[in-house]
């Protein structure tokens, strides 16, 4: 499965990615909510793992944009 992780804490993102990779999943990560929206809109991901407490564009803002785009 190809996943997108949107998480601003580097240690948390690294740990989540390591577990997902160990399970055989591909996981791209970004620390930016806006960049996460851009990546999610590319249609290359089967699921998004989203942190709610992001700087600039928070997780709820990301979620609203993705829902508006039917993602």
PDB file of N, CA and C in Angstrom:
ATOM      1  N   UNK A   1       0.855  -1.170   0.000  1.00  0.00           N
ATOM      2  CA  UNK A   1       0.000   0.000   0.000  1.00  0.00           C
ATOM      3  C   UNK A   1       0.901   1.233   0.000  1.00  0.00           C
ATOM      4  N   UNK A   2       0.525   2.248  -0.733  1.00  0.00           N
ATOM      5  CA  UNK A   2       1.281   3.500  -0.755  1.00  0.00           C
ATOM      6  C   UNK A   2       0.536   4.525   0.096  1.00  0.00           C
ATOM      7  N   UNK A   3       1.220   5.012   1.121  1.00  0.00           N
ATOM      8  CA  UNK A   3       0.623   5.902   2.104  1.00  0.00           C
ATOM      9  C   UNK A   3       1.316   7.251   2.115  1.00  0.00           C
ATOM     10  N   UNK A   4       0.579   8.254   2.548  1.00  0.00           N
ATOM     11  CA  UNK A   4       1.127   9.590   2.754  1.00  0.00           C
ATOM     12  C   UNK A   4       0.985   9.935   4.226  1.00  0.00           C
ATOM     13  N   UNK A   5       2.088  10.273   4.850  1.00  0.00           N
ATOM     14  CA  UNK A   5       2.114  10.676   6.251  1.00  0.00           C
ATOM     15  C   UNK A   5       2.359  12.178   6.313  1.00  0.00           C
ATOM     16  N   UNK A   6       1.436  12.891   6.942  1.00  0.00           N
ATOM     17  CA  UNK A   6       1.592  14.336   7.142  1.00  0.00           C
ATOM     18  C   UNK A   6       1.767  14.543   8.638  1.00  0.00           C
ATOM     19  N   UNK A   7       3.015  14.764   9.049  1.00  0.00           N
ATOM     20  CA  UNK A   7       3.388  14.830  10.467  1.00  0.00           C
ATOM     21  C   UNK A   7       4.562  15.774  10.612  1.00  0.00           C
ATOM     22  N   UNK A   8       4.437  16.780  11.483  1.00  0.00           N
ATOM     23  CA  UNK A   8       5.497  17.774  11.620  1.00  0.00           C
ATOM     24  C   UNK A   8       6.591  17.383  12.605  1.00  0.00           C
ATOM     25  N   UNK A   9       6.364  16.401  13.448  1.00  0.00           N
ATOM     26  CA  UNK A   9       7.378  15.959  14.406  1.00  0.00           C
ATOM     27  C   UNK A   9       8.261  14.903  13.744  1.00  0.00           C
ATOM     28  N   UNK A  10       9.532  15.222  13.577  1.00  0.00           N
ATOM     29  CA  UNK A  10      10.436  14.342  12.840  1.00  0.00           C
ATOM     30  C   UNK A  10      10.556  12.972  13.486  1.00  0.00           C
ATOM     31  N   UNK A  11      10.690  12.912  14.809  1.00  0.00           N
ATOM     32  CA  UNK A  11      10.849  11.625  15.501  1.00  0.00           C
ATOM     33  C   UNK A  11       9.615  10.746  15.317  1.00  0.00           C
ATOM     34  N   UNK A  12       8.440  11.339  15.444  1.00  0.00           N
ATOM     35  CA  UNK A  12       7.202  10.580  15.260  1.00  0.00           C
ATOM     36  C   UNK A  12       7.082  10.093  13.826  1.00  0.00           C
ATOM     37  N   UNK A  13       7.358  10.968  12.872  1.00  0.00           N
ATOM     38  CA  UNK A  13       7.273  10.587  11.458  1.00  0.00           C
ATOM     39  C   UNK A  13       8.243   9.457  11.143  1.00  0.00           C
ATOM     40  N   UNK A  14       9.449   9.545  11.657  1.00  0.00           N
ATOM     41  CA  UNK A  14      10.446   8.495  11.406  1.00  0.00           C
ATOM     42  C   UNK A  14      10.002   7.157  11.981  1.00  0.00           C
ATOM     43  N   UNK A  15       9.455   7.185  13.190  1.00  0.00           N
ATOM     44  CA  UNK A  15       8.994   5.951  13.833  1.00  0.00           C
ATOM     45  C   UNK A  15       7.831   5.330  13.065  1.00  0.00           C
ATOM     46  N   UNK A  16       6.868   6.146  12.661  1.00  0.00           N
ATOM     47  CA  UNK A  16       5.713   5.642  11.905  1.00  0.00           C
ATOM     48  C   UNK A  16       6.174   5.073  10.568  1.00  0.00           C
ATOM     49  N   UNK A  17       7.048   5.793   9.883  1.00  0.00           N
ATOM     50  CA  UNK A  17       7.556   5.303   8.603  1.00  0.00           C
ATOM     51  C   UNK A  17       8.291   3.980   8.762  1.00  0.00           C
ATOM     52  N   UNK A  18       9.085   3.847   9.809  1.00  0.00           N
ATOM     53  CA  UNK A  18       9.838   2.611  10.028  1.00  0.00           C
ATOM     54  C   UNK A  18       8.897   1.425  10.216  1.00  0.00           C
ATOM     55  N   UNK A  19       7.847   1.612  10.988  1.00  0.00           N
ATOM     56  CA  UNK A  19       6.881   0.533  11.215  1.00  0.00           C
ATOM     57  C   UNK A  19       6.164   0.182   9.912  1.00  0.00           C
ATOM     58  N   UNK A  20       5.743   1.179   9.174  1.00  0.00           N
ATOM     59  CA  UNK A  20       5.031   0.930   7.922  1.00  0.00           C
ATOM     60  C   UNK A  20       5.921   0.232   6.895  1.00  0.00           C
ATOM     61  N   UNK A  21       7.175   0.656   6.816  1.00  0.00           N
ATOM     62  CA  UNK A  21       8.102   0.016   5.892  1.00  0.00           C
ATOM     63  C   UNK A  21       8.339  -1.439   6.289  1.00  0.00           C
ATOM     64  N   UNK A  22       8.443  -1.689   7.597  1.00  0.00           N
ATOM     65  CA  UNK A  22       8.639  -3.057   8.094  1.00  0.00           C
ATOM     66  C   UNK A  22       7.458  -3.955   7.734  1.00  0.00           C
ATOM     67  N   UNK A  23       6.287  -3.365   7.630  1.00  0.00           N
ATOM     68  CA  UNK A  23       5.081  -4.115   7.261  1.00  0.00           C
ATOM     69  C   UNK A  23       4.918  -4.252   5.752  1.00  0.00           C
ATOM     70  N   UNK A  24       5.855  -3.656   4.995  1.00  0.00           N
ATOM     71  CA  UNK A  24       5.829  -3.785   3.551  1.00  0.00           C
ATOM     72  C   UNK A  24       5.113  -2.669   2.817  1.00  0.00           C
ATOM     73  N   UNK A  25       4.734  -1.626   3.535  1.00  0.00           N
ATOM     74  CA  UNK A  25       4.063  -0.494   2.905  1.00  0.00           C
ATOM     75  C   UNK A  25       5.073   0.558   2.462  1.00  0.00           C
ATOM     76  N   UNK A  26       4.722   1.303   1.424  1.00  0.00           N
ATOM     77  CA  UNK A  26       5.510   2.455   1.009  1.00  0.00           C
ATOM     78  C   UNK A  26       4.880   3.672   1.660  1.00  0.00           C
ATOM     79  N   UNK A  27       5.709   4.540   2.207  1.00  0.00           N
ATOM     80  CA  UNK A  27       5.177   5.691   2.924  1.00  0.00           C
ATOM     81  C   UNK A  27       6.032   6.918   2.649  1.00  0.00           C
ATOM     82  N   UNK A  28       5.425   7.916   2.009  1.00  0.00           N
ATOM     83  CA  UNK A  28       6.070   9.213   1.834  1.00  0.00           C
ATOM     84  C   UNK A  28       5.624  10.097   2.988  1.00  0.00           C
ATOM     85  N   UNK A  29       6.480  11.026   3.373  1.00  0.00           N
ATOM     86  CA  UNK A  29       6.139  11.899   4.499  1.00  0.00           C
ATOM     87  C   UNK A  29       6.455  13.350   4.167  1.00  0.00           C
ATOM     88  N   UNK A  30       5.674  14.230   4.760  1.00  0.00           N
ATOM     89  CA  UNK A  30       5.925  15.661   4.680  1.00  0.00           C
ATOM     90  C   UNK A  30       5.578  16.280   6.028  1.00  0.00           C
ATOM     91  N   UNK A  31       6.243  17.374   6.334  1.00  0.00           N
ATOM     92  CA  UNK A  31       5.978  18.083   7.586  1.00  0.00           C
ATOM     93  C   UNK A  31       5.026  19.253   7.385  1.00  0.00           C
ATOM     94  N   UNK A  32       4.662  19.524   6.167  1.00  0.00           N
ATOM     95  CA  UNK A  32       3.852  20.692   5.832  1.00  0.00           C
ATOM     96  C   UNK A  32       2.427  20.282   5.447  1.00  0.00           C
ATOM     97  N   UNK A  33       1.455  20.929   6.054  1.00  0.00           N
ATOM     98  CA  UNK A  33       0.069  20.672   5.702  1.00  0.00           C
ATOM     99  C   UNK A  33      -0.218  21.021   4.259  1.00  0.00           C
ATOM    100  N   UNK A  34       0.278  22.157   3.805  1.00  0.00           N
ATOM    101  CA  UNK A  34       0.032  22.568   2.420  1.00  0.00           C
ATOM    102  C   UNK A  34       0.679  21.602   1.437  1.00  0.00           C
ATOM    103  N   UNK A  35       1.903  21.192   1.723  1.00  0.00           N
ATOM    104  CA  UNK A  35       2.574  20.211   0.848  1.00  0.00           C
ATOM    105  C   UNK A  35       1.827  18.879   0.889  1.00  0.00           C
ATOM    106  N   UNK A  36       1.285  18.533   2.050  1.00  0.00           N
ATOM    107  CA  UNK A  36       0.500  17.313   2.162  1.00  0.00           C
ATOM    108  C   UNK A  36      -0.721  17.344   1.269  1.00  0.00           C
ATOM    109  N   UNK A  37      -1.391  18.498   1.206  1.00  0.00           N
ATOM    110  CA  UNK A  37      -2.543  18.645   0.316  1.00  0.00           C
ATOM    111  C   UNK A  37      -2.101  18.438  -1.129  1.00  0.00           C
ATOM    112  N   UNK A  38      -1.003  19.076  -1.513  1.00  0.00           N
ATOM    113  CA  UNK A  38      -0.503  18.944  -2.884  1.00  0.00           C
ATOM    114  C   UNK A  38      -0.204  17.491  -3.233  1.00  0.00           C
ATOM    115  N   UNK A  39       0.465  16.795  -2.327  1.00  0.00           N
ATOM    116  CA  UNK A  39       0.798  15.395  -2.579  1.00  0.00           C
ATOM    117  C   UNK A  39      -0.453  14.525  -2.634  1.00  0.00           C
ATOM    118  N   UNK A  40      -1.374  14.742  -1.698  1.00  0.00           N
ATOM    119  CA  UNK A  40      -2.603  13.940  -1.670  1.00  0.00           C
ATOM    120  C   UNK A  40      -3.425  14.152  -2.936  1.00  0.00           C
ATOM    121  N   UNK A  41      -3.447  15.364  -3.445  1.00  0.00           N
ATOM    122  CA  UNK A  41      -4.208  15.660  -4.656  1.00  0.00           C
ATOM    123  C   UNK A  41      -3.600  15.015  -5.897  1.00  0.00           C
ATOM    124  N   UNK A  42      -2.361  14.558  -5.803  1.00  0.00           N
ATOM    125  CA  UNK A  42      -1.722  13.904  -6.945  1.00  0.00           C
ATOM    126  C   UNK A  42      -2.380  12.571  -7.267  1.00  0.00           C
ATOM    127  N   UNK A  43      -3.109  12.012  -6.317  1.00  0.00           N
ATOM    128  CA  UNK A  43      -3.794  10.747  -6.545  1.00  0.00           C
ATOM    129  C   UNK A  43      -2.900   9.528  -6.456  1.00  0.00           C
ATOM    130  N   UNK A  44      -1.689   9.687  -5.958  1.00  0.00           N
ATOM    131  CA  UNK A  44      -0.729   8.584  -5.883  1.00  0.00           C
ATOM    132  C   UNK A  44      -0.811   7.780  -4.593  1.00  0.00           C
ATOM    133  N   UNK A  45      -1.745   8.086  -3.724  1.00  0.00           N
ATOM    134  CA  UNK A  45      -1.792   7.455  -2.406  1.00  0.00           C
ATOM    135  C   UNK A  45      -3.119   6.762  -2.165  1.00  0.00           C
ATOM    136  N   UNK A  46      -3.040   5.642  -1.457  1.00  0.00           N
ATOM    137  CA  UNK A  46      -4.238   4.893  -1.117  1.00  0.00           C
ATOM    138  C   UNK A  46      -4.833   5.364   0.211  1.00  0.00           C
ATOM    139  N   UNK A  47      -4.007   5.975   1.053  1.00  0.00           N
ATOM    140  CA  UNK A  47      -4.484   6.470   2.344  1.00  0.00           C
ATOM    141  C   UNK A  47      -3.557   7.574   2.829  1.00  0.00           C
ATOM    142  N   UNK A  48      -4.109   8.437   3.678  1.00  0.00           N
ATOM    143  CA  UNK A  48      -3.348   9.534   4.280  1.00  0.00           C
ATOM    144  C   UNK A  48      -3.410   9.389   5.790  1.00  0.00           C
ATOM    145  N   UNK A  49      -2.254   9.489   6.440  1.00  0.00           N
ATOM    146  CA  UNK A  49      -2.169   9.527   7.896  1.00  0.00           C
ATOM    147  C   UNK A  49      -1.887  10.980   8.244  1.00  0.00           C
ATOM    148  N   UNK A  50      -2.797  11.593   8.974  1.00  0.00           N
ATOM    149  CA  UNK A  50      -2.776  13.044   9.142  1.00  0.00           C
ATOM    150  C   UNK A  50      -2.696  13.460  10.600  1.00  0.00           C
ATOM    151  N   UNK A  51      -1.682  14.246  10.920  1.00  0.00           N
ATOM    152  CA  UNK A  51      -1.558  14.884  12.228  1.00  0.00           C
ATOM    153  C   UNK A  51      -2.475  16.100  12.237  1.00  0.00           C
ATOM    154  N   UNK A  52      -3.172  16.331  13.326  1.00  0.00           N
ATOM    155  CA  UNK A  52      -4.066  17.488  13.396  1.00  0.00           C
ATOM    156  C   UNK A  52      -3.346  18.778  13.776  1.00  0.00           C
ATOM    157  N   UNK A  53      -2.271  18.673  14.545  1.00  0.00           N
ATOM    158  CA  UNK A  53      -1.576  19.861  15.033  1.00  0.00           C
ATOM    159  C   UNK A  53      -0.358  20.169  14.168  1.00  0.00           C
ATOM    160  N   UNK A  54      -0.618  20.739  13.016  1.00  0.00           N
ATOM    161  CA  UNK A  54       0.442  21.115  12.083  1.00  0.00           C
ATOM    162  C   UNK A  54       0.599  22.635  12.059  1.00  0.00           C
ATOM    163  N   UNK A  55       1.816  23.124  11.789  1.00  0.00           N
ATOM    164  CA  UNK A  55       1.981  24.566  11.643  1.00  0.00           C
ATOM    165  C   UNK A  55       1.407  25.028  10.307  1.00  0.00           C
ATOM    166  N   UNK A  56       1.150  26.293  10.191  1.00  0.00           N
ATOM    167  CA  UNK A  56       0.614  26.936   8.985  1.00  0.00           C
ATOM    168  C   UNK A  56      -0.783  26.424   8.661  1.00  0.00           C
ATOM    169  N   UNK A  57      -0.898  25.334   7.936  1.00  0.00           N
ATOM    170  CA  UNK A  57      -2.199  24.746   7.610  1.00  0.00           C
ATOM    171  C   UNK A  57      -2.375  23.518   8.492  1.00  0.00           C
ATOM    172  N   UNK A  58      -3.294  23.602   9.472  1.00  0.00           N
ATOM    173  CA  UNK A  58      -3.451  22.488  10.412  1.00  0.00           C
ATOM    174  C   UNK A  58      -4.184  21.311   9.769  1.00  0.00           C
ATOM    175  N   UNK A  59      -4.226  20.203  10.497  1.00  0.00           N
ATOM    176  CA  UNK A  59      -4.818  18.986   9.974  1.00  0.00           C
ATOM    177  C   UNK A  59      -6.269  19.125   9.563  1.00  0.00           C
ATOM    178  N   UNK A  60      -7.049  19.902  10.282  1.00  0.00           N
ATOM    179  CA  UNK A  60      -8.450  20.098   9.909  1.00  0.00           C
ATOM    180  C   UNK A  60      -8.547  20.862   8.588  1.00  0.00           C
ATOM    181  N   UNK A  61      -7.660  21.817   8.379  1.00  0.00           N
ATOM    182  CA  UNK A  61      -7.623  22.542   7.113  1.00  0.00           C
ATOM    183  C   UNK A  61      -7.248  21.621   5.961  1.00  0.00           C
ATOM    184  N   UNK A  62      -6.293  20.737   6.217  1.00  0.00           N
ATOM    185  CA  UNK A  62      -5.913  19.751   5.210  1.00  0.00           C
ATOM    186  C   UNK A  62      -7.113  18.865   4.883  1.00  0.00           C
ATOM    187  N   UNK A  63      -7.751  18.370   5.922  1.00  0.00           N
ATOM    188  CA  UNK A  63      -8.899  17.486   5.750  1.00  0.00           C
ATOM    189  C   UNK A  63     -10.019  18.166   4.958  1.00  0.00           C
ATOM    190  N   UNK A  64     -10.303  19.411   5.276  1.00  0.00           N
ATOM    191  CA  UNK A  64     -11.341  20.160   4.559  1.00  0.00           C
ATOM    192  C   UNK A  64     -11.018  20.267   3.067  1.00  0.00           C
ATOM    193  N   UNK A  65      -9.754  20.565   2.758  1.00  0.00           N
ATOM    194  CA  UNK A  65      -9.360  20.694   1.356  1.00  0.00           C
ATOM    195  C   UNK A  65      -9.442  19.353   0.615  1.00  0.00           C
ATOM    196  N   UNK A  66      -9.043  18.287   1.288  1.00  0.00           N
ATOM    197  CA  UNK A  66      -9.091  16.972   0.651  1.00  0.00           C
ATOM    198  C   UNK A  66     -10.530  16.516   0.445  1.00  0.00           C
ATOM    199  N   UNK A  67     -11.394  16.772   1.410  1.00  0.00           N
ATOM    200  CA  UNK A  67     -12.809  16.417   1.254  1.00  0.00           C
ATOM    201  C   UNK A  67     -13.462  17.228   0.138  1.00  0.00           C
ATOM    202  N   UNK A  68     -13.104  18.501   0.042  1.00  0.00           N
ATOM    203  CA  UNK A  68     -13.660  19.347  -1.009  1.00  0.00           C
ATOM    204  C   UNK A  68     -13.257  18.840  -2.394  1.00  0.00           C
ATOM    205  N   UNK A  69     -12.100  18.166  -2.458  1.00  0.00           N
ATOM    206  CA  UNK A  69     -11.606  17.622  -3.720  1.00  0.00           C
ATOM    207  C   UNK A  69     -12.007  16.148  -3.892  1.00  0.00           C
ATOM    208  N   UNK A  70     -12.876  15.667  -3.006  1.00  0.00           N
ATOM    209  CA  UNK A  70     -13.329  14.267  -3.031  1.00  0.00           C
ATOM    210  C   UNK A  70     -12.204  13.255  -2.857  1.00  0.00           C
ATOM    211  N   UNK A  71     -11.221  13.619  -2.061  1.00  0.00           N
ATOM    212  CA  UNK A  71     -10.116  12.702  -1.742  1.00  0.00           C
ATOM    213  C   UNK A  71     -10.457  12.015  -0.431  1.00  0.00           C
TER     214      UNK A  71
END
